[in-house]
């Protein structure tokens, strides 16, 4: 019997995504939106109280940065990724979580560019994160799906409207297979 390793299954997707031009990042974000919408719905009924507390802690750290004005775009992107990863893992589907993680990594440039250039995109995204967390707390799967879809649509629209390659240092991109 062979063990199903979701990381091995995703290597072809990672390779394909890495080959894509920056102009196609909106397509990857659309796929991410579909997957994360379902992930949020599953997580709404499966999250533990400890996982909800973890999500609150991630958002509380962002609250502090926004309040003090000491939140670098890179720090927000790291917190954003942690928030989305925690929800994906809480979906209870390892393959779904691995797909989401891979797509999040591959769409880093567009998300960082939006955080740097679009006025108050970080504040808006944070408010959307808070709305997602509120839906998760009530265990309302449909509301969690809707909140997640609306949240990710903003990044997708931005990527479609700004299809310019962004020169982000390669140190911010993880290596394939690692």
N, C-alpha and C. Protein backbone atom coordinates (compact mmCIF):
# COMPACT_ATOMS: atom_id res chain seq x y z
N UNK A 1 0.85 -1.18 0.00
CA UNK A 1 0.00 0.00 0.00
C UNK A 1 0.90 1.24 0.00
N UNK A 2 0.59 2.19 -0.86
CA UNK A 2 1.36 3.41 -0.99
C UNK A 2 0.70 4.52 -0.19
N UNK A 3 1.50 5.24 0.55
CA UNK A 3 0.99 6.37 1.33
C UNK A 3 0.77 7.56 0.38
N UNK A 4 -0.38 8.18 0.45
CA UNK A 4 -0.70 9.34 -0.37
C UNK A 4 -0.03 10.57 0.22
N UNK A 5 0.98 11.07 -0.46
CA UNK A 5 1.72 12.24 -0.01
C UNK A 5 1.25 13.45 -0.81
N UNK A 6 0.51 14.34 -0.17
CA UNK A 6 -0.05 15.49 -0.89
C UNK A 6 1.05 16.39 -1.46
N UNK A 7 2.18 16.48 -0.80
CA UNK A 7 3.29 17.28 -1.32
C UNK A 7 3.79 16.76 -2.66
N UNK A 8 3.91 15.45 -2.79
CA UNK A 8 4.35 14.86 -4.06
C UNK A 8 3.32 15.08 -5.15
N UNK A 9 2.07 14.99 -4.79
CA UNK A 9 1.02 15.21 -5.78
C UNK A 9 1.02 16.64 -6.31
N UNK A 10 1.47 17.58 -5.50
CA UNK A 10 1.41 18.99 -5.87
C UNK A 10 2.63 19.49 -6.63
N UNK A 11 3.69 18.72 -6.68
CA UNK A 11 4.89 19.20 -7.39
C UNK A 11 4.61 19.61 -8.83
N UNK A 12 3.80 18.84 -9.59
CA UNK A 12 3.50 19.30 -10.96
C UNK A 12 2.75 20.64 -10.97
N UNK A 13 1.86 20.87 -10.03
CA UNK A 13 1.16 22.15 -9.94
C UNK A 13 2.13 23.27 -9.64
N UNK A 14 3.05 23.04 -8.71
CA UNK A 14 4.04 24.06 -8.37
C UNK A 14 4.90 24.39 -9.58
N UNK A 15 5.30 23.35 -10.32
CA UNK A 15 6.12 23.58 -11.50
C UNK A 15 5.34 24.40 -12.52
N UNK A 16 4.11 24.03 -12.77
CA UNK A 16 3.27 24.75 -13.72
C UNK A 16 3.08 26.20 -13.27
N UNK A 17 2.77 26.41 -12.00
CA UNK A 17 2.53 27.75 -11.49
C UNK A 17 3.78 28.61 -11.61
N UNK A 18 4.95 28.04 -11.38
CA UNK A 18 6.18 28.80 -11.47
C UNK A 18 6.46 29.25 -12.91
N UNK A 19 6.01 28.48 -13.87
CA UNK A 19 6.23 28.81 -15.28
C UNK A 19 5.31 29.93 -15.77
N UNK A 20 4.23 30.16 -15.06
CA UNK A 20 3.25 31.14 -15.51
C UNK A 20 3.79 32.56 -15.45
N UNK A 21 3.33 33.38 -16.37
CA UNK A 21 3.69 34.79 -16.39
C UNK A 21 2.91 35.52 -15.29
N UNK A 22 3.41 36.67 -14.89
CA UNK A 22 2.72 37.48 -13.88
C UNK A 22 1.32 37.84 -14.35
N UNK A 23 1.12 37.94 -15.66
CA UNK A 23 -0.20 38.31 -16.19
C UNK A 23 -1.24 37.24 -15.92
N UNK A 24 -0.81 36.04 -15.57
CA UNK A 24 -1.76 34.96 -15.31
C UNK A 24 -2.00 34.74 -13.81
N UNK A 25 -1.47 35.60 -12.97
CA UNK A 25 -1.65 35.37 -11.55
C UNK A 25 -3.11 35.49 -11.14
N UNK A 26 -3.91 36.27 -11.89
CA UNK A 26 -5.34 36.36 -11.59
C UNK A 26 -6.01 34.99 -11.74
N UNK A 27 -5.53 34.19 -12.69
CA UNK A 27 -6.10 32.86 -12.86
C UNK A 27 -5.78 31.97 -11.67
N UNK A 28 -4.55 32.04 -11.18
CA UNK A 28 -4.19 31.27 -9.99
C UNK A 28 -4.98 31.74 -8.77
N UNK A 29 -5.18 33.05 -8.68
CA UNK A 29 -5.97 33.59 -7.56
C UNK A 29 -7.43 33.15 -7.65
N UNK A 30 -7.96 33.00 -8.85
CA UNK A 30 -9.34 32.51 -9.00
C UNK A 30 -9.45 31.08 -8.49
N UNK A 31 -8.45 30.26 -8.80
CA UNK A 31 -8.45 28.89 -8.30
C UNK A 31 -8.32 28.89 -6.78
N UNK A 32 -7.45 29.73 -6.29
CA UNK A 32 -7.28 29.84 -4.83
C UNK A 32 -8.59 30.23 -4.17
N UNK A 33 -9.32 31.17 -4.78
CA UNK A 33 -10.60 31.61 -4.21
C UNK A 33 -11.59 30.43 -4.12
N UNK A 34 -11.66 29.63 -5.17
CA UNK A 34 -12.57 28.48 -5.17
C UNK A 34 -12.21 27.52 -4.05
N UNK A 35 -10.93 27.21 -3.94
CA UNK A 35 -10.49 26.24 -2.93
C UNK A 35 -10.65 26.78 -1.51
N UNK A 36 -10.25 28.03 -1.30
CA UNK A 36 -10.33 28.58 0.06
C UNK A 36 -11.76 28.84 0.51
N UNK A 37 -12.64 29.08 -0.43
CA UNK A 37 -14.05 29.25 -0.07
C UNK A 37 -14.57 27.96 0.55
N UNK A 38 -14.27 26.84 -0.08
CA UNK A 38 -14.70 25.56 0.48
C UNK A 38 -13.96 25.24 1.77
N UNK A 39 -12.69 25.57 1.81
CA UNK A 39 -11.90 25.34 3.02
C UNK A 39 -12.52 26.06 4.22
N UNK A 40 -12.94 27.30 4.01
CA UNK A 40 -13.56 28.08 5.10
C UNK A 40 -14.86 27.42 5.56
N UNK A 41 -15.63 26.93 4.60
CA UNK A 41 -16.88 26.25 4.98
C UNK A 41 -16.63 25.01 5.81
N UNK A 42 -15.67 24.21 5.41
CA UNK A 42 -15.32 23.01 6.17
C UNK A 42 -14.76 23.38 7.55
N UNK A 43 -13.90 24.38 7.58
CA UNK A 43 -13.29 24.79 8.85
C UNK A 43 -14.34 25.30 9.83
N UNK A 44 -15.37 25.95 9.33
CA UNK A 44 -16.40 26.52 10.21
C UNK A 44 -17.01 25.46 11.12
N UNK A 45 -17.13 24.26 10.62
CA UNK A 45 -17.75 23.20 11.44
C UNK A 45 -16.73 22.29 12.12
N UNK A 46 -15.44 22.50 11.82
CA UNK A 46 -14.41 21.62 12.38
C UNK A 46 -13.41 22.30 13.30
N UNK A 47 -13.33 23.62 13.27
CA UNK A 47 -12.35 24.34 14.09
C UNK A 47 -12.54 24.06 15.58
N UNK A 48 -11.44 23.88 16.27
CA UNK A 48 -11.49 23.74 17.72
C UNK A 48 -11.41 25.12 18.36
N UNK A 49 -11.70 25.19 19.63
CA UNK A 49 -11.57 26.46 20.35
C UNK A 49 -10.12 26.95 20.34
N UNK A 50 -9.17 26.01 20.44
CA UNK A 50 -7.76 26.39 20.39
C UNK A 50 -7.39 26.99 19.03
N UNK A 51 -7.92 26.42 17.97
CA UNK A 51 -7.64 26.95 16.63
C UNK A 51 -8.27 28.33 16.45
N UNK A 52 -9.45 28.52 16.99
CA UNK A 52 -10.07 29.85 16.94
C UNK A 52 -9.22 30.86 17.71
N UNK A 53 -8.68 30.43 18.84
CA UNK A 53 -7.80 31.32 19.61
C UNK A 53 -6.52 31.65 18.84
N UNK A 54 -5.99 30.68 18.10
CA UNK A 54 -4.81 30.93 17.26
C UNK A 54 -5.12 31.99 16.20
N UNK A 55 -6.27 31.85 15.56
CA UNK A 55 -6.68 32.82 14.54
C UNK A 55 -6.83 34.20 15.15
N UNK A 56 -7.43 34.26 16.33
CA UNK A 56 -7.58 35.55 17.01
C UNK A 56 -6.22 36.16 17.32
N UNK A 57 -5.28 35.33 17.76
CA UNK A 57 -3.93 35.82 18.05
C UNK A 57 -3.25 36.40 16.83
N UNK A 58 -3.41 35.76 15.69
CA UNK A 58 -2.83 36.27 14.44
C UNK A 58 -3.41 37.65 14.13
N UNK A 59 -4.73 37.77 14.24
CA UNK A 59 -5.37 39.05 13.93
C UNK A 59 -5.08 40.10 14.99
N UNK A 60 -4.92 39.70 16.23
CA UNK A 60 -4.57 40.66 17.29
C UNK A 60 -3.21 41.29 17.03
N UNK A 61 -2.27 40.49 16.54
CA UNK A 61 -0.96 41.04 16.19
C UNK A 61 -1.06 42.09 15.09
N UNK A 62 -1.93 41.84 14.12
CA UNK A 62 -2.14 42.82 13.05
C UNK A 62 -2.80 44.07 13.62
N UNK A 63 -3.74 43.90 14.54
CA UNK A 63 -4.40 45.05 15.19
C UNK A 63 -3.35 45.98 15.79
N UNK A 64 -2.39 45.40 16.49
CA UNK A 64 -1.34 46.20 17.13
C UNK A 64 -0.54 46.96 16.08
N UNK A 65 -0.14 46.28 15.04
CA UNK A 65 0.63 46.93 13.98
C UNK A 65 -0.13 48.05 13.29
N UNK A 66 -1.42 47.84 13.05
CA UNK A 66 -2.23 48.88 12.41
C UNK A 66 -2.42 50.07 13.35
N UNK A 67 -2.63 49.80 14.63
CA UNK A 67 -2.84 50.86 15.61
C UNK A 67 -1.60 51.72 15.80
N UNK A 68 -0.44 51.06 15.85
CA UNK A 68 0.80 51.80 16.06
C UNK A 68 1.39 52.36 14.78
N UNK A 69 0.88 51.89 13.64
CA UNK A 69 1.43 52.32 12.36
C UNK A 69 2.75 51.63 12.04
N UNK A 70 3.06 50.58 12.77
CA UNK A 70 4.32 49.85 12.58
C UNK A 70 4.10 48.48 11.95
N UNK A 71 3.31 48.44 10.89
CA UNK A 71 3.04 47.17 10.22
C UNK A 71 3.60 47.24 8.80
N UNK A 72 4.73 46.59 8.60
CA UNK A 72 5.33 46.54 7.26
C UNK A 72 4.49 45.63 6.37
N UNK A 73 4.44 45.92 5.08
CA UNK A 73 3.67 45.07 4.17
C UNK A 73 4.07 43.60 4.25
N UNK A 74 5.37 43.34 4.39
CA UNK A 74 5.84 41.96 4.48
C UNK A 74 5.32 41.27 5.74
N UNK A 75 5.26 42.00 6.84
CA UNK A 75 4.73 41.43 8.09
C UNK A 75 3.25 41.11 7.94
N UNK A 76 2.53 41.99 7.25
CA UNK A 76 1.11 41.71 7.03
C UNK A 76 0.94 40.47 6.16
N UNK A 77 1.73 40.35 5.10
CA UNK A 77 1.64 39.19 4.21
C UNK A 77 1.93 37.90 4.97
N UNK A 78 2.92 37.94 5.87
CA UNK A 78 3.23 36.76 6.69
C UNK A 78 2.04 36.39 7.58
N UNK A 79 1.44 37.39 8.22
CA UNK A 79 0.29 37.13 9.09
C UNK A 79 -0.90 36.66 8.27
N UNK A 80 -1.10 37.27 7.11
CA UNK A 80 -2.18 36.88 6.20
C UNK A 80 -2.02 35.40 5.83
N UNK A 81 -0.81 35.00 5.47
CA UNK A 81 -0.55 33.61 5.09
C UNK A 81 -0.82 32.67 6.27
N UNK A 82 -0.40 33.06 7.46
CA UNK A 82 -0.62 32.23 8.65
C UNK A 82 -2.12 32.06 8.91
N UNK A 83 -2.88 33.13 8.75
CA UNK A 83 -4.33 33.09 8.95
C UNK A 83 -4.98 32.11 7.96
N UNK A 84 -4.64 32.25 6.69
CA UNK A 84 -5.22 31.39 5.67
C UNK A 84 -4.77 29.93 5.81
N UNK A 85 -3.51 29.73 6.17
CA UNK A 85 -3.01 28.36 6.36
C UNK A 85 -3.73 27.67 7.52
N UNK A 86 -3.93 28.41 8.61
CA UNK A 86 -4.59 27.83 9.78
C UNK A 86 -6.01 27.38 9.43
N UNK A 87 -6.72 28.20 8.64
CA UNK A 87 -8.08 27.83 8.22
C UNK A 87 -8.03 26.60 7.31
N UNK A 88 -7.07 26.59 6.37
CA UNK A 88 -6.96 25.45 5.45
C UNK A 88 -6.69 24.15 6.20
N UNK A 89 -5.80 24.20 7.17
CA UNK A 89 -5.49 23.01 7.96
C UNK A 89 -6.73 22.57 8.75
N UNK A 90 -7.47 23.53 9.28
CA UNK A 90 -8.66 23.22 10.07
C UNK A 90 -9.79 22.63 9.22
N UNK A 91 -9.67 22.73 7.89
CA UNK A 91 -10.69 22.12 7.02
C UNK A 91 -10.70 20.61 7.19
N UNK A 92 -9.58 20.07 7.67
CA UNK A 92 -9.50 18.63 7.87
C UNK A 92 -9.13 17.85 6.63
N UNK A 93 -8.79 18.55 5.55
CA UNK A 93 -8.44 17.89 4.30
C UNK A 93 -7.01 18.29 3.94
N UNK A 94 -6.08 17.37 4.15
CA UNK A 94 -4.65 17.67 3.95
C UNK A 94 -4.33 18.04 2.51
N UNK A 95 -4.96 17.38 1.55
CA UNK A 95 -4.70 17.69 0.14
C UNK A 95 -5.20 19.09 -0.20
N UNK A 96 -6.36 19.45 0.30
CA UNK A 96 -6.90 20.80 0.08
C UNK A 96 -5.98 21.84 0.71
N UNK A 97 -5.53 21.59 1.93
CA UNK A 97 -4.63 22.53 2.61
C UNK A 97 -3.31 22.68 1.84
N UNK A 98 -2.79 21.58 1.30
CA UNK A 98 -1.53 21.64 0.54
C UNK A 98 -1.72 22.42 -0.76
N UNK A 99 -2.83 22.23 -1.44
CA UNK A 99 -3.11 22.99 -2.66
C UNK A 99 -3.18 24.48 -2.35
N UNK A 100 -3.90 24.82 -1.30
CA UNK A 100 -4.04 26.23 -0.91
C UNK A 100 -2.68 26.82 -0.57
N UNK A 101 -1.89 26.09 0.18
CA UNK A 101 -0.56 26.57 0.56
C UNK A 101 0.29 26.82 -0.69
N UNK A 102 0.25 25.90 -1.62
CA UNK A 102 1.04 26.05 -2.85
C UNK A 102 0.58 27.27 -3.64
N UNK A 103 -0.71 27.47 -3.76
CA UNK A 103 -1.22 28.62 -4.50
C UNK A 103 -0.92 29.93 -3.78
N UNK A 104 -0.97 29.91 -2.46
CA UNK A 104 -0.64 31.12 -1.70
C UNK A 104 0.81 31.53 -1.95
N UNK A 105 1.68 30.56 -1.95
CA UNK A 105 3.10 30.82 -2.19
C UNK A 105 3.31 31.38 -3.59
N UNK A 106 2.61 30.83 -4.56
CA UNK A 106 2.78 31.23 -5.96
C UNK A 106 2.16 32.58 -6.28
N UNK A 107 1.31 33.10 -5.42
CA UNK A 107 0.68 34.39 -5.68
C UNK A 107 1.22 35.49 -4.76
N UNK A 108 2.38 35.24 -4.17
CA UNK A 108 2.98 36.19 -3.23
C UNK A 108 3.23 37.55 -3.87
N UNK A 109 3.78 37.57 -5.07
CA UNK A 109 4.13 38.84 -5.70
C UNK A 109 2.93 39.77 -5.79
N UNK A 110 1.82 39.26 -6.29
CA UNK A 110 0.63 40.10 -6.45
C UNK A 110 0.08 40.61 -5.13
N UNK A 111 0.10 39.75 -4.13
CA UNK A 111 -0.42 40.17 -2.82
C UNK A 111 0.47 41.23 -2.19
N UNK A 112 1.79 41.03 -2.31
CA UNK A 112 2.72 42.01 -1.76
C UNK A 112 2.60 43.34 -2.51
N UNK A 113 2.53 43.28 -3.82
CA UNK A 113 2.41 44.50 -4.62
C UNK A 113 1.14 45.27 -4.24
N UNK A 114 0.04 44.56 -4.03
CA UNK A 114 -1.20 45.23 -3.64
C UNK A 114 -1.04 45.88 -2.27
N UNK A 115 -0.43 45.17 -1.33
CA UNK A 115 -0.24 45.71 0.03
C UNK A 115 0.61 46.98 0.01
N UNK A 116 1.56 47.03 -0.93
CA UNK A 116 2.46 48.18 -1.00
C UNK A 116 1.80 49.35 -1.72
N UNK A 117 1.06 49.07 -2.78
CA UNK A 117 0.61 50.14 -3.67
C UNK A 117 -0.84 50.58 -3.53
N UNK A 118 -1.73 49.72 -3.10
CA UNK A 118 -3.14 50.08 -3.06
C UNK A 118 -3.49 50.68 -1.71
N UNK A 119 -4.01 51.88 -1.76
CA UNK A 119 -4.33 52.62 -0.54
C UNK A 119 -5.26 51.84 0.37
N UNK A 120 -4.88 51.67 1.59
CA UNK A 120 -5.60 50.99 2.66
C UNK A 120 -6.02 49.54 2.34
N UNK A 121 -5.33 48.89 1.42
CA UNK A 121 -5.67 47.49 1.14
C UNK A 121 -5.41 46.61 2.37
N UNK A 122 -4.40 46.95 3.16
CA UNK A 122 -4.10 46.17 4.36
C UNK A 122 -5.23 46.31 5.38
N UNK A 123 -5.70 47.53 5.60
CA UNK A 123 -6.81 47.75 6.53
C UNK A 123 -8.08 47.06 6.08
N UNK A 124 -8.35 47.12 4.78
CA UNK A 124 -9.53 46.45 4.24
C UNK A 124 -9.41 44.94 4.37
N UNK A 125 -8.26 44.40 4.04
CA UNK A 125 -8.05 42.96 4.15
C UNK A 125 -8.18 42.51 5.60
N UNK A 126 -7.68 43.33 6.51
CA UNK A 126 -7.78 42.97 7.93
C UNK A 126 -9.24 42.96 8.39
N UNK A 127 -10.01 43.94 7.95
CA UNK A 127 -11.44 43.95 8.28
C UNK A 127 -12.14 42.71 7.71
N UNK A 128 -11.74 42.31 6.51
CA UNK A 128 -12.31 41.10 5.91
C UNK A 128 -11.89 39.86 6.69
N UNK A 129 -10.66 39.82 7.18
CA UNK A 129 -10.22 38.71 8.02
C UNK A 129 -11.08 38.64 9.29
N UNK A 130 -11.34 39.79 9.87
CA UNK A 130 -12.18 39.83 11.07
C UNK A 130 -13.58 39.28 10.78
N UNK A 131 -14.13 39.61 9.60
CA UNK A 131 -15.46 39.12 9.22
C UNK A 131 -15.43 37.60 9.01
N UNK A 132 -14.36 37.10 8.44
CA UNK A 132 -14.21 35.65 8.26
C UNK A 132 -14.16 34.97 9.62
N UNK A 133 -13.36 35.52 10.53
CA UNK A 133 -13.25 34.94 11.86
C UNK A 133 -14.59 34.97 12.60
N UNK A 134 -15.34 36.04 12.45
CA UNK A 134 -16.66 36.12 13.09
C UNK A 134 -17.58 35.00 12.57
N UNK A 135 -17.54 34.76 11.27
CA UNK A 135 -18.35 33.69 10.69
C UNK A 135 -17.90 32.32 11.19
N UNK A 136 -16.59 32.13 11.30
CA UNK A 136 -16.07 30.86 11.81
C UNK A 136 -16.49 30.64 13.26
N UNK A 137 -16.48 31.70 14.04
CA UNK A 137 -16.87 31.58 15.46
C UNK A 137 -18.32 31.14 15.62
N UNK A 138 -19.18 31.56 14.72
CA UNK A 138 -20.60 31.18 14.81
C UNK A 138 -20.86 29.81 14.19
N UNK A 139 -19.81 29.22 13.63
CA UNK A 139 -19.91 27.90 13.00
C UNK A 139 -20.87 27.91 11.80
N UNK A 140 -20.97 29.07 11.17
CA UNK A 140 -21.85 29.26 10.02
C UNK A 140 -21.03 29.02 8.74
N UNK A 141 -21.12 27.80 8.21
CA UNK A 141 -20.30 27.42 7.06
C UNK A 141 -20.59 28.28 5.84
N UNK A 142 -21.83 28.56 5.57
CA UNK A 142 -22.16 29.34 4.37
C UNK A 142 -21.67 30.78 4.49
N UNK A 143 -21.83 31.37 5.65
CA UNK A 143 -21.33 32.73 5.87
C UNK A 143 -19.80 32.76 5.76
N UNK A 144 -19.13 31.75 6.30
CA UNK A 144 -17.67 31.68 6.20
C UNK A 144 -17.25 31.59 4.73
N UNK A 145 -17.96 30.78 3.95
CA UNK A 145 -17.66 30.68 2.52
C UNK A 145 -17.82 32.03 1.83
N UNK A 146 -18.91 32.70 2.09
CA UNK A 146 -19.19 33.99 1.44
C UNK A 146 -18.14 35.03 1.83
N UNK A 147 -17.81 35.09 3.11
CA UNK A 147 -16.80 36.05 3.57
C UNK A 147 -15.44 35.78 2.94
N UNK A 148 -15.07 34.50 2.86
CA UNK A 148 -13.77 34.15 2.26
C UNK A 148 -13.77 34.49 0.77
N UNK A 149 -14.84 34.15 0.08
CA UNK A 149 -14.91 34.43 -1.36
C UNK A 149 -14.81 35.92 -1.63
N UNK A 150 -15.53 36.72 -0.86
CA UNK A 150 -15.49 38.18 -1.05
C UNK A 150 -14.09 38.73 -0.78
N UNK A 151 -13.46 38.21 0.26
CA UNK A 151 -12.12 38.65 0.63
C UNK A 151 -11.12 38.37 -0.50
N UNK A 152 -11.12 37.17 -1.01
CA UNK A 152 -10.15 36.79 -2.03
C UNK A 152 -10.46 37.41 -3.39
N UNK A 153 -11.69 37.75 -3.62
CA UNK A 153 -12.04 38.39 -4.88
C UNK A 153 -11.32 39.72 -5.05
N UNK A 154 -11.11 40.47 -3.98
CA UNK A 154 -10.41 41.74 -4.06
C UNK A 154 -8.99 41.60 -4.59
N UNK A 155 -8.27 40.60 -4.12
CA UNK A 155 -6.90 40.37 -4.58
C UNK A 155 -6.93 39.91 -6.04
N UNK A 156 -7.88 39.06 -6.36
CA UNK A 156 -8.00 38.55 -7.73
C UNK A 156 -8.28 39.69 -8.72
N UNK A 157 -9.19 40.58 -8.37
CA UNK A 157 -9.52 41.72 -9.24
C UNK A 157 -8.30 42.62 -9.39
N UNK A 158 -7.59 42.88 -8.30
CA UNK A 158 -6.39 43.71 -8.38
C UNK A 158 -5.37 43.08 -9.34
N UNK A 159 -5.15 41.79 -9.22
CA UNK A 159 -4.18 41.11 -10.09
C UNK A 159 -4.60 41.19 -11.55
N UNK A 160 -5.89 41.07 -11.81
CA UNK A 160 -6.38 41.15 -13.19
C UNK A 160 -6.20 42.56 -13.76
N UNK A 161 -6.34 43.56 -12.91
CA UNK A 161 -6.24 44.95 -13.35
C UNK A 161 -4.80 45.45 -13.40
N UNK A 162 -3.87 44.74 -12.77
CA UNK A 162 -2.47 45.16 -12.70
C UNK A 162 -1.57 43.99 -13.11
N UNK A 163 -1.62 43.56 -14.37
CA UNK A 163 -0.87 42.38 -14.81
C UNK A 163 0.59 42.67 -15.16
N UNK A 164 1.24 43.44 -14.33
CA UNK A 164 2.63 43.78 -14.57
C UNK A 164 3.51 42.95 -13.66
N UNK A 165 4.58 42.41 -14.21
CA UNK A 165 5.52 41.63 -13.40
C UNK A 165 6.12 42.53 -12.34
N UNK A 166 6.20 42.02 -11.15
CA UNK A 166 6.74 42.77 -10.03
C UNK A 166 8.05 42.12 -9.63
N UNK A 167 9.09 42.92 -9.48
CA UNK A 167 10.39 42.39 -9.11
C UNK A 167 10.50 42.30 -7.60
N UNK A 168 10.13 41.14 -7.07
CA UNK A 168 10.24 40.88 -5.63
C UNK A 168 11.49 40.04 -5.44
N UNK A 169 12.32 40.37 -4.48
CA UNK A 169 13.55 39.60 -4.26
C UNK A 169 13.25 38.12 -4.15
N UNK A 170 14.07 37.29 -4.78
CA UNK A 170 13.84 35.86 -4.79
C UNK A 170 13.91 35.25 -3.38
N UNK A 171 14.49 35.95 -2.44
CA UNK A 171 14.57 35.43 -1.07
C UNK A 171 13.18 35.34 -0.45
N UNK A 172 12.20 36.05 -1.02
CA UNK A 172 10.84 36.00 -0.48
C UNK A 172 10.06 34.82 -1.05
N UNK A 173 10.62 34.14 -2.07
CA UNK A 173 9.95 33.01 -2.67
C UNK A 173 10.61 31.73 -2.22
N UNK A 174 9.83 30.79 -1.70
CA UNK A 174 10.43 29.52 -1.28
C UNK A 174 10.89 28.72 -2.51
N UNK A 175 11.87 27.88 -2.30
CA UNK A 175 12.36 27.05 -3.37
C UNK A 175 11.37 25.92 -3.60
N UNK A 176 11.32 25.44 -4.83
CA UNK A 176 10.47 24.28 -5.15
C UNK A 176 10.97 23.06 -4.41
N UNK A 177 10.00 22.25 -3.98
CA UNK A 177 10.33 21.01 -3.33
C UNK A 177 10.82 21.16 -1.91
N UNK A 178 10.84 22.36 -1.39
CA UNK A 178 11.41 22.54 -0.06
C UNK A 178 10.45 23.14 0.81
